[in-house]
All heavy atoms as atom14 arrays in JSON, in Angstrom:
{
  "sequence": "QGLGLAASGDEQGTVYKVIPEGKLKSQPLPIFTQEDLDSLPKGD",
  "atom14_mask": [
    [1, 1, 1, 1, 1, 1, 1, 1, 1, 0, 0, 0, 0, 0],
    [1, 1, 1, 1, 0, 0, 0, 0, 0, 0, 0, 0, 0, 0],
    [1, 1, 1, 1, 1, 1, 1, 1, 0, 0, 0, 0, 0, 0],
    [1, 1, 1, 1, 0, 0, 0, 0, 0, 0, 0, 0, 0, 0],
    [1, 1, 1, 1, 1, 1, 1, 1, 0, 0, 0, 0, 0, 0],
    [1, 1, 1, 1, 1, 0, 0, 0, 0, 0, 0, 0, 0, 0],
    [1, 1, 1, 1, 1, 0, 0, 0, 0, 0, 0, 0, 0, 0],
    [1, 1, 1, 1, 1, 1, 0, 0, 0, 0, 0, 0, 0, 0],
    [1, 1, 1, 1, 0, 0, 0, 0, 0, 0, 0, 0, 0, 0],
    [1, 1, 1, 1, 1, 1, 1, 1, 0, 0, 0, 0, 0, 0],
    [1, 1, 1, 1, 1, 1, 1, 1, 1, 0, 0, 0, 0, 0],
    [1, 1, 1, 1, 1, 1, 1, 1, 1, 0, 0, 0, 0, 0],
    [1, 1, 1, 1, 0, 0, 0, 0, 0, 0, 0, 0, 0, 0],
    [1, 1, 1, 1, 1, 1, 1, 0, 0, 0, 0, 0, 0, 0],
    [1, 1, 1, 1, 1, 1, 1, 0, 0, 0, 0, 0, 0, 0],
    [1, 1, 1, 1, 1, 1, 1, 1, 1, 1, 1, 1, 0, 0],
    [1, 1, 1, 1, 1, 1, 1, 1, 1, 0, 0, 0, 0, 0],
    [1, 1, 1, 1, 1, 1, 1, 0, 0, 0, 0, 0, 0, 0],
    [1, 1, 1, 1, 1, 1, 1, 1, 0, 0, 0, 0, 0, 0],
    [1, 1, 1, 1, 1, 1, 1, 0, 0, 0, 0, 0, 0, 0],
    [1, 1, 1, 1, 1, 1, 1, 1, 1, 0, 0, 0, 0, 0],
    [1, 1, 1, 1, 0, 0, 0, 0, 0, 0, 0, 0, 0, 0],
    [1, 1, 1, 1, 1, 1, 1, 1, 1, 0, 0, 0, 0, 0],
    [1, 1, 1, 1, 1, 1, 1, 1, 0, 0, 0, 0, 0, 0],
    [1, 1, 1, 1, 1, 1, 1, 1, 1, 0, 0, 0, 0, 0],
    [1, 1, 1, 1, 1, 1, 0, 0, 0, 0, 0, 0, 0, 0],
    [1, 1, 1, 1, 1, 1, 1, 1, 1, 0, 0, 0, 0, 0],
    [1, 1, 1, 1, 1, 1, 1, 0, 0, 0, 0, 0, 0, 0],
    [1, 1, 1, 1, 1, 1, 1, 1, 0, 0, 0, 0, 0, 0],
    [1, 1, 1, 1, 1, 1, 1, 0, 0, 0, 0, 0, 0, 0],
    [1, 1, 1, 1, 1, 1, 1, 1, 0, 0, 0, 0, 0, 0],
    [1, 1, 1, 1, 1, 1, 1, 1, 1, 1, 1, 0, 0, 0],
    [1, 1, 1, 1, 1, 1, 1, 0, 0, 0, 0, 0, 0, 0],
    [1, 1, 1, 1, 1, 1, 1, 1, 1, 0, 0, 0, 0, 0],
    [1, 1, 1, 1, 1, 1, 1, 1, 1, 0, 0, 0, 0, 0],
    [1, 1, 1, 1, 1, 1, 1, 1, 0, 0, 0, 0, 0, 0],
    [1, 1, 1, 1, 1, 1, 1, 1, 0, 0, 0, 0, 0, 0],
    [1, 1, 1, 1, 1, 1, 1, 1, 0, 0, 0, 0, 0, 0],
    [1, 1, 1, 1, 1, 1, 0, 0, 0, 0, 0, 0, 0, 0],
    [1, 1, 1, 1, 1, 1, 1, 1, 0, 0, 0, 0, 0, 0],
    [1, 1, 1, 1, 1, 1, 1, 0, 0, 0, 0, 0, 0, 0],
    [1, 1, 1, 1, 1, 1, 1, 1, 1, 0, 0, 0, 0, 0],
    [1, 1, 1, 1, 0, 0, 0, 0, 0, 0, 0, 0, 0, 0],
    [1, 1, 1, 1, 1, 1, 1, 1, 0, 0, 0, 0, 0, 0]
  ],
  "atom14_positions": [
    [[-10.31, -78.52, -58.45], [-11.61, -78.27, -59.07], [-11.62, -76.97, -59.9], [-12.68, -76.5, -60.32], [-12.7, -78.19, -57.99], [-12.88, -79.47, -57.21], [-13.6, -80.54, -58.0], [-14.08, -80.3, -59.09], [-13.69, -81.75, -57.45], [0.0, 0.0, 0.0], [0.0, 0.0, 0.0], [0.0, 0.0, 0.0], [0.0, 0.0, 0.0], [0.0, 0.0, 0.0]],
    [[-10.43, -76.38, -60.12], [-10.37, -75.16, -60.91], [-10.84, -73.93, -60.16], [-11.26, -72.94, -60.78], [0.0, 0.0, 0.0], [0.0, 0.0, 0.0], [0.0, 0.0, 0.0], [0.0, 0.0, 0.0], [0.0, 0.0, 0.0], [0.0, 0.0, 0.0], [0.0, 0.0, 0.0], [0.0, 0.0, 0.0], [0.0, 0.0, 0.0], [0.0, 0.0, 0.0]],
    [[-10.75, -73.95, -58.83], [-11.18, -72.83, -58.0], [-10.04, -72.42, -57.08], [-8.99, -73.07, -57.03], [-12.41, -73.22, -57.16], [-13.65, -73.65, -57.93], [-14.66, -74.3, -56.99], [-14.28, -72.47, -58.65], [0.0, 0.0, 0.0], [0.0, 0.0, 0.0], [0.0, 0.0, 0.0], [0.0, 0.0, 0.0], [0.0, 0.0, 0.0], [0.0, 0.0, 0.0]],
    [[-10.24, -71.33, -56.37], [-9.22, -70.87, -55.43], [-9.81, -69.94, -54.39], [-10.98, -69.53, -54.49], [0.0, 0.0, 0.0], [0.0, 0.0, 0.0], [0.0, 0.0, 0.0], [0.0, 0.0, 0.0], [0.0, 0.0, 0.0], [0.0, 0.0, 0.0], [0.0, 0.0, 0.0], [0.0, 0.0, 0.0], [0.0, 0.0, 0.0], [0.0, 0.0, 0.0]],
    [[-9.0, -69.61, -53.39], [-9.41, -68.7, -52.33], [-8.71, -67.36, -52.47], [-7.51, -67.3, -52.73], [-9.08, -69.29, -50.95], [-9.94, -70.42, -50.41], [-9.49, -70.78, -49.0], [-11.42, -70.06, -50.41], [0.0, 0.0, 0.0], [0.0, 0.0, 0.0], [0.0, 0.0, 0.0], [0.0, 0.0, 0.0], [0.0, 0.0, 0.0], [0.0, 0.0, 0.0]],
    [[-9.47, -66.29, -52.3], [-8.92, -64.94, -52.25], [-9.34, -64.34, -50.92], [-10.54, -64.26, -50.63], [-9.41, -64.1, -53.42], [0.0, 0.0, 0.0], [0.0, 0.0, 0.0], [0.0, 0.0, 0.0], [0.0, 0.0, 0.0], [0.0, 0.0, 0.0], [0.0, 0.0, 0.0], [0.0, 0.0, 0.0], [0.0, 0.0, 0.0], [0.0, 0.0, 0.0]],
    [[-8.37, -63.94, -50.11], [-8.67, -63.4, -48.78], [-8.77, -61.89, -48.84], [-7.95, -61.21, -49.46], [-7.59, -63.83, -47.79], [0.0, 0.0, 0.0], [0.0, 0.0, 0.0], [0.0, 0.0, 0.0], [0.0, 0.0, 0.0], [0.0, 0.0, 0.0], [0.0, 0.0, 0.0], [0.0, 0.0, 0.0], [0.0, 0.0, 0.0], [0.0, 0.0, 0.0]],
    [[-9.78, -61.36, -48.21], [-9.93, -59.91, -48.07], [-10.3, -59.63, -46.62], [-11.03, -60.4, -45.99], [-11.0, -59.37, -49.01], [-12.25, -59.99, -48.77], [0.0, 0.0, 0.0], [0.0, 0.0, 0.0], [0.0, 0.0, 0.0], [0.0, 0.0, 0.0], [0.0, 0.0, 0.0], [0.0, 0.0, 0.0], [0.0, 0.0, 0.0], [0.0, 0.0, 0.0]],
    [[-9.76, -58.54, -46.08], [-9.98, -58.25, -44.67], [-10.75, -56.98, -44.43], [-10.8, -56.08, -45.28], [0.0, 0.0, 0.0], [0.0, 0.0, 0.0], [0.0, 0.0, 0.0], [0.0, 0.0, 0.0], [0.0, 0.0, 0.0], [0.0, 0.0, 0.0], [0.0, 0.0, 0.0], [0.0, 0.0, 0.0], [0.0, 0.0, 0.0], [0.0, 0.0, 0.0]],
    [[-11.38, -56.91, -43.27], [-12.05, -55.71, -42.82], [-11.87, -55.61, -41.31], [-11.13, -56.4, -40.71], [-13.54, -55.71, -43.2], [-14.27, -56.95, -42.71], [-13.84, -57.52, -41.69], [-15.26, -57.35, -43.33], [0.0, 0.0, 0.0], [0.0, 0.0, 0.0], [0.0, 0.0, 0.0], [0.0, 0.0, 0.0], [0.0, 0.0, 0.0], [0.0, 0.0, 0.0]],
    [[-12.55, -54.65, -40.69], [-12.38, -54.47, -39.26], [-12.92, -55.65, -38.45], [-12.6, -55.81, -37.27], [-13.08, -53.18, -38.81], [-14.59, -53.16, -38.98], [-15.03, -52.82, -40.39], [-14.13, -52.6, -41.24], [-16.25, -52.75, -40.64], [0.0, 0.0, 0.0], [0.0, 0.0, 0.0], [0.0, 0.0, 0.0], [0.0, 0.0, 0.0], [0.0, 0.0, 0.0]],
    [[-13.7, -56.51, -39.08], [-14.27, -57.65, -38.38], [-13.51, -58.95, -38.65], [-13.88, -59.99, -38.14], [-15.74, -57.83, -38.78], [-16.62, -56.66, -38.38], [-18.08, -56.87, -38.76], [-18.38, -57.77, -39.54], [-18.95, -56.06, -38.21], [0.0, 0.0, 0.0], [0.0, 0.0, 0.0], [0.0, 0.0, 0.0], [0.0, 0.0, 0.0], [0.0, 0.0, 0.0]],
    [[-12.46, -58.89, -39.46], [-11.67, -60.08, -39.72], [-11.53, -60.37, -41.19], [-11.81, -59.53, -42.05], [0.0, 0.0, 0.0], [0.0, 0.0, 0.0], [0.0, 0.0, 0.0], [0.0, 0.0, 0.0], [0.0, 0.0, 0.0], [0.0, 0.0, 0.0], [0.0, 0.0, 0.0], [0.0, 0.0, 0.0], [0.0, 0.0, 0.0], [0.0, 0.0, 0.0]],
    [[-11.09, -61.58, -41.5], [-10.81, -62.0, -42.87], [-11.99, -62.76, -43.46], [-12.61, -63.58, -42.78], [-9.56, -62.89, -42.92], [-8.45, -62.16, -42.39], [-9.24, -63.31, -44.34], [0.0, 0.0, 0.0], [0.0, 0.0, 0.0], [0.0, 0.0, 0.0], [0.0, 0.0, 0.0], [0.0, 0.0, 0.0], [0.0, 0.0, 0.0], [0.0, 0.0, 0.0]],
    [[-12.28, -62.46, -44.72], [-13.31, -63.18, -45.47], [-12.63, -63.87, -46.65], [-11.83, -63.25, -47.36], [-14.41, -62.23, -45.97], [-15.41, -62.98, -46.84], [-15.12, -61.57, -44.8], [0.0, 0.0, 0.0], [0.0, 0.0, 0.0], [0.0, 0.0, 0.0], [0.0, 0.0, 0.0], [0.0, 0.0, 0.0], [0.0, 0.0, 0.0], [0.0, 0.0, 0.0]],
    [[-12.93, -65.15, -46.85], [-12.35, -65.91, -47.94], [-13.39, -66.08, -49.05], [-14.47, -66.63, -48.83], [-11.89, -67.28, -47.45], [-10.73, -67.22, -46.49], [-10.96, -67.17, -45.11], [-9.42, -67.18, -46.94], [-9.9, -67.1, -44.22], [-8.36, -67.11, -46.06], [-8.61, -67.07, -44.71], [-7.55, -67.0, -43.82], [0.0, 0.0, 0.0], [0.0, 0.0, 0.0]],
    [[-13.03, -65.58, -50.23], [-13.92, -65.69, -51.39], [-13.51, -66.89, -52.24], [-12.34, -67.02, -52.61], [-13.87, -64.41, -52.22], [-14.42, -63.19, -51.5], [-14.4, -61.96, -52.38], [-12.99, -61.45, -52.59], [-12.98, -60.17, -53.35], [0.0, 0.0, 0.0], [0.0, 0.0, 0.0], [0.0, 0.0, 0.0], [0.0, 0.0, 0.0], [0.0, 0.0, 0.0]],
    [[-14.46, -67.75, -52.54], [-14.21, -68.9, -53.42], [-14.57, -68.48, -54.84], [-15.72, -68.18, -55.14], [-15.07, -70.11, -52.99], [-14.78, -71.3, -53.9], [-14.8, -70.47, -51.54], [0.0, 0.0, 0.0], [0.0, 0.0, 0.0], [0.0, 0.0, 0.0], [0.0, 0.0, 0.0], [0.0, 0.0, 0.0], [0.0, 0.0, 0.0], [0.0, 0.0, 0.0]],
    [[-13.55, -68.42, -55.7], [-13.77, -67.92, -57.05], [-13.03, -68.8, -58.06], [-12.08, -69.5, -57.7], [-13.31, -66.45, -57.21], [-11.84, -66.31, -56.81], [-14.17, -65.52, -56.37], [-11.32, -64.91, -56.96], [0.0, 0.0, 0.0], [0.0, 0.0, 0.0], [0.0, 0.0, 0.0], [0.0, 0.0, 0.0], [0.0, 0.0, 0.0], [0.0, 0.0, 0.0]],
    [[-13.45, -68.77, -59.34], [-12.75, -69.54, -60.37], [-11.29, -69.11, -60.5], [-10.94, -67.95, -60.28], [-13.54, -69.23, -61.65], [-14.9, -68.84, -61.16], [-14.67, -68.14, -59.86], [0.0, 0.0, 0.0], [0.0, 0.0, 0.0], [0.0, 0.0, 0.0], [0.0, 0.0, 0.0], [0.0, 0.0, 0.0], [0.0, 0.0, 0.0], [0.0, 0.0, 0.0]],
    [[-10.45, -70.08, -60.86], [-9.01, -69.82, -60.98], [-8.7, -68.63, -61.88], [-7.82, -67.83, -61.58], [-8.32, -71.07, -61.56], [-7.43, -71.77, -60.58], [-6.71, -72.94, -61.22], [-7.03, -73.31, -62.37], [-5.83, -73.5, -60.57], [0.0, 0.0, 0.0], [0.0, 0.0, 0.0], [0.0, 0.0, 0.0], [0.0, 0.0, 0.0], [0.0, 0.0, 0.0]],
    [[-9.41, -68.53, -63.0], [-9.11, -67.48, -63.96], [-9.33, -66.07, -63.45], [-8.81, -65.12, -64.02], [0.0, 0.0, 0.0], [0.0, 0.0, 0.0], [0.0, 0.0, 0.0], [0.0, 0.0, 0.0], [0.0, 0.0, 0.0], [0.0, 0.0, 0.0], [0.0, 0.0, 0.0], [0.0, 0.0, 0.0], [0.0, 0.0, 0.0], [0.0, 0.0, 0.0]],
    [[-10.08, -65.93, -62.36], [-10.35, -64.6, -61.8], [-9.49, -64.27, -60.59], [-9.61, -63.19, -60.03], [-11.83, -64.5, -61.42], [-12.78, -64.65, -62.6], [-14.24, -64.51, -62.17], [-15.18, -64.64, -63.34], [-16.61, -64.51, -62.93], [0.0, 0.0, 0.0], [0.0, 0.0, 0.0], [0.0, 0.0, 0.0], [0.0, 0.0, 0.0], [0.0, 0.0, 0.0]],
    [[-8.63, -65.2, -60.18], [-7.85, -64.99, -58.96], [-6.89, -63.82, -59.08], [-6.7, -63.05, -58.14], [-7.08, -66.27, -58.62], [-7.86, -67.39, -57.94], [-6.99, -68.63, -57.78], [-8.4, -66.93, -56.61], [0.0, 0.0, 0.0], [0.0, 0.0, 0.0], [0.0, 0.0, 0.0], [0.0, 0.0, 0.0], [0.0, 0.0, 0.0], [0.0, 0.0, 0.0]],
    [[-6.25, -63.69, -60.26], [-5.23, -62.64, -60.4], [-5.8, -61.24, -60.34], [-5.08, -60.27, -60.11], [-4.44, -62.84, -61.7], [-3.44, -63.98, -61.62], [-2.44, -63.97, -62.74], [-3.04, -64.28, -64.07], [-2.02, -64.45, -65.13], [0.0, 0.0, 0.0], [0.0, 0.0, 0.0], [0.0, 0.0, 0.0], [0.0, 0.0, 0.0], [0.0, 0.0, 0.0]],
    [[-7.1, -61.1, -60.56], [-7.73, -59.77, -60.49], [-8.08, -59.39, -59.05], [-8.53, -58.27, -58.79], [-9.0, -59.74, -61.34], [-9.97, -60.65, -60.85], [0.0, 0.0, 0.0], [0.0, 0.0, 0.0], [0.0, 0.0, 0.0], [0.0, 0.0, 0.0], [0.0, 0.0, 0.0], [0.0, 0.0, 0.0], [0.0, 0.0, 0.0], [0.0, 0.0, 0.0]],
    [[-7.84, -60.31, -58.12], [-8.12, -60.05, -56.72], [-6.89, -59.4, -56.05], [-5.77, -59.52, -56.54], [-8.46, -61.36, -55.99], [-9.67, -62.07, -56.57], [-10.94, -61.26, -56.44], [-11.26, -60.73, -55.38], [-11.69, -61.16, -57.53], [0.0, 0.0, 0.0], [0.0, 0.0, 0.0], [0.0, 0.0, 0.0], [0.0, 0.0, 0.0], [0.0, 0.0, 0.0]],
    [[-7.08, -58.72, -54.91], [-5.93, -58.13, -54.19], [-5.1, -59.2, -53.5], [-5.33, -59.54, -52.33], [-6.61, -57.19, -53.18], [-7.97, -57.78, -52.97], [-8.37, -58.38, -54.29], [0.0, 0.0, 0.0], [0.0, 0.0, 0.0], [0.0, 0.0, 0.0], [0.0, 0.0, 0.0], [0.0, 0.0, 0.0], [0.0, 0.0, 0.0], [0.0, 0.0, 0.0]],
    [[-4.14, -59.77, -54.24], [-3.33, -60.86, -53.71], [-2.28, -60.34, -52.74], [-1.79, -59.22, -52.89], [-2.63, -61.59, -54.87], [-3.54, -62.19, -55.94], [-2.7, -62.8, -57.05], [-4.47, -63.23, -55.35], [0.0, 0.0, 0.0], [0.0, 0.0, 0.0], [0.0, 0.0, 0.0], [0.0, 0.0, 0.0], [0.0, 0.0, 0.0], [0.0, 0.0, 0.0]],
    [[-1.9, -61.15, -51.75], [-0.81, -60.74, -50.85], [0.51, -60.66, -51.6], [0.78, -61.47, -52.49], [-0.8, -61.85, -49.79], [-1.46, -63.01, -50.45], [-2.48, -62.45, -51.39], [0.0, 0.0, 0.0], [0.0, 0.0, 0.0], [0.0, 0.0, 0.0], [0.0, 0.0, 0.0], [0.0, 0.0, 0.0], [0.0, 0.0, 0.0], [0.0, 0.0, 0.0]],
    [[1.33, -59.67, -51.26], [2.6, -59.42, -51.95], [3.76, -59.7, -50.99], [3.74, -59.25, -49.84], [2.67, -57.98, -52.48], [1.54, -57.73, -53.49], [4.02, -57.71, -53.13], [1.47, -56.3, -53.99], [0.0, 0.0, 0.0], [0.0, 0.0, 0.0], [0.0, 0.0, 0.0], [0.0, 0.0, 0.0], [0.0, 0.0, 0.0], [0.0, 0.0, 0.0]],
    [[4.76, -60.42, -51.5], [5.93, -60.77, -50.7], [7.2, -60.36, -51.44], [7.19, -60.22, -52.67], [5.96, -62.28, -50.42], [4.78, -62.78, -49.64], [3.6, -63.15, -50.29], [4.83, -62.88, -48.27], [2.51, -63.61, -49.57], [3.74, -63.35, -47.54], [2.59, -63.7, -48.19], [0.0, 0.0, 0.0], [0.0, 0.0, 0.0], [0.0, 0.0, 0.0]],
    [[8.27, -60.17, -50.7], [9.58, -59.87, -51.28], [10.5, -61.07, -51.07], [10.1, -62.09, -50.5], [10.2, -58.62, -50.64], [10.44, -58.87, -49.24], [9.25, -57.43, -50.76], [0.0, 0.0, 0.0], [0.0, 0.0, 0.0], [0.0, 0.0, 0.0], [0.0, 0.0, 0.0], [0.0, 0.0, 0.0], [0.0, 0.0, 0.0], [0.0, 0.0, 0.0]],
    [[11.76, -60.94, -51.51], [12.71, -62.03, -51.33], [12.91, -62.37, -49.86], [13.11, -63.53, -49.51], [14.05, -61.63, -51.97], [14.03, -61.73, -53.49], [15.25, -61.08, -54.12], [15.51, -59.91, -53.89], [15.98, -61.83, -54.91], [0.0, 0.0, 0.0], [0.0, 0.0, 0.0], [0.0, 0.0, 0.0], [0.0, 0.0, 0.0], [0.0, 0.0, 0.0]],
    [[12.85, -61.37, -49.01], [13.08, -61.59, -47.59], [11.89, -62.28, -46.92], [12.0, -62.74, -45.78], [13.37, -60.27, -46.87], [14.7, -59.62, -47.25], [14.67, -58.99, -48.63], [13.54, -58.68, -49.12], [15.74, -58.82, -49.23], [0.0, 0.0, 0.0], [0.0, 0.0, 0.0], [0.0, 0.0, 0.0], [0.0, 0.0, 0.0], [0.0, 0.0, 0.0]],
    [[10.75, -62.34, -47.61], [9.54, -62.88, -47.01], [9.27, -64.33, -47.4], [8.17, -64.84, -47.18], [8.31, -62.05, -47.44], [8.42, -60.61, -47.0], [9.03, -60.36, -45.95], [7.9, -59.73, -47.71], [0.0, 0.0, 0.0], [0.0, 0.0, 0.0], [0.0, 0.0, 0.0], [0.0, 0.0, 0.0], [0.0, 0.0, 0.0], [0.0, 0.0, 0.0]],
    [[10.26, -65.02, -47.96], [10.02, -66.36, -48.48], [9.5, -67.3, -47.39], [8.61, -68.11, -47.63], [11.31, -66.93, -49.08], [11.21, -68.3, -49.76], [10.21, -68.26, -50.89], [12.57, -68.76, -50.25], [0.0, 0.0, 0.0], [0.0, 0.0, 0.0], [0.0, 0.0, 0.0], [0.0, 0.0, 0.0], [0.0, 0.0, 0.0], [0.0, 0.0, 0.0]],
    [[10.02, -67.17, -46.18], [9.59, -68.05, -45.09], [8.19, -67.69, -44.58], [7.6, -68.45, -43.8], [10.58, -67.97, -43.92], [11.95, -68.56, -44.3], [11.99, -69.41, -45.2], [12.95, -68.14, -43.7], [0.0, 0.0, 0.0], [0.0, 0.0, 0.0], [0.0, 0.0, 0.0], [0.0, 0.0, 0.0], [0.0, 0.0, 0.0], [0.0, 0.0, 0.0]],
    [[7.68, -66.54, -44.99], [6.36, -66.1, -44.53], [5.24, -66.46, -45.5], [4.08, -66.13, -45.25], [6.37, -64.57, -44.32], [7.35, -64.2, -43.38], [0.0, 0.0, 0.0], [0.0, 0.0, 0.0], [0.0, 0.0, 0.0], [0.0, 0.0, 0.0], [0.0, 0.0, 0.0], [0.0, 0.0, 0.0], [0.0, 0.0, 0.0], [0.0, 0.0, 0.0]],
    [[5.58, -67.12, -46.61], [4.56, -67.5, -47.58], [3.55, -68.45, -46.94], [3.91, -69.27, -46.09], [5.2, -68.18, -48.78], [6.0, -67.31, -49.74], [6.69, -68.18, -50.78], [5.11, -66.29, -50.42], [0.0, 0.0, 0.0], [0.0, 0.0, 0.0], [0.0, 0.0, 0.0], [0.0, 0.0, 0.0], [0.0, 0.0, 0.0], [0.0, 0.0, 0.0]],
    [[2.27, -68.36, -47.33], [1.27, -69.31, -46.81], [1.66, -70.74, -47.16], [2.35, -71.0, -48.14], [-0.01, -68.89, -47.53], [0.22, -67.5, -47.99], [1.68, -67.38, -48.25], [0.0, 0.0, 0.0], [0.0, 0.0, 0.0], [0.0, 0.0, 0.0], [0.0, 0.0, 0.0], [0.0, 0.0, 0.0], [0.0, 0.0, 0.0], [0.0, 0.0, 0.0]],
    [[1.22, -71.68, -46.36], [1.58, -73.08, -46.57], [0.7, -73.75, -47.63], [1.11, -74.73, -48.23], [1.47, -73.85, -45.25], [2.47, -73.41, -44.2], [2.33, -74.24, -42.94], [3.32, -73.8, -41.88], [3.2, -74.6, -40.63], [0.0, 0.0, 0.0], [0.0, 0.0, 0.0], [0.0, 0.0, 0.0], [0.0, 0.0, 0.0], [0.0, 0.0, 0.0]],
    [[-0.49, -73.25, -47.84], [-1.43, -73.92, -48.73], [-1.31, -73.5, -50.18], [-0.36, -72.82, -50.58], [0.0, 0.0, 0.0], [0.0, 0.0, 0.0], [0.0, 0.0, 0.0], [0.0, 0.0, 0.0], [0.0, 0.0, 0.0], [0.0, 0.0, 0.0], [0.0, 0.0, 0.0], [0.0, 0.0, 0.0], [0.0, 0.0, 0.0], [0.0, 0.0, 0.0]],
    [[-2.32, -73.9, -50.96], [-2.36, -73.58, -52.38], [-3.11, -72.28, -52.61], [-4.14, -72.25, -53.28], [-3.03, -74.72, -53.16], [-2.15, -75.96, -53.21], [-0.94, -75.8, -53.43], [-2.66, -77.06, -53.01], [0.0, 0.0, 0.0], [0.0, 0.0, 0.0], [0.0, 0.0, 0.0], [0.0, 0.0, 0.0], [0.0, 0.0, 0.0], [0.0, 0.0, 0.0]]
  ]
}
């Protein structure tokens, strides 16, 4: 549907923001290295 989830956390847990695809990259995305390939989320 041209949307996506951006997760942000606080002391009370994780909040998932539903936002348009074009704005996803401006969100604080999780960062992984080559060694973290197996730790990538399973979803989209």
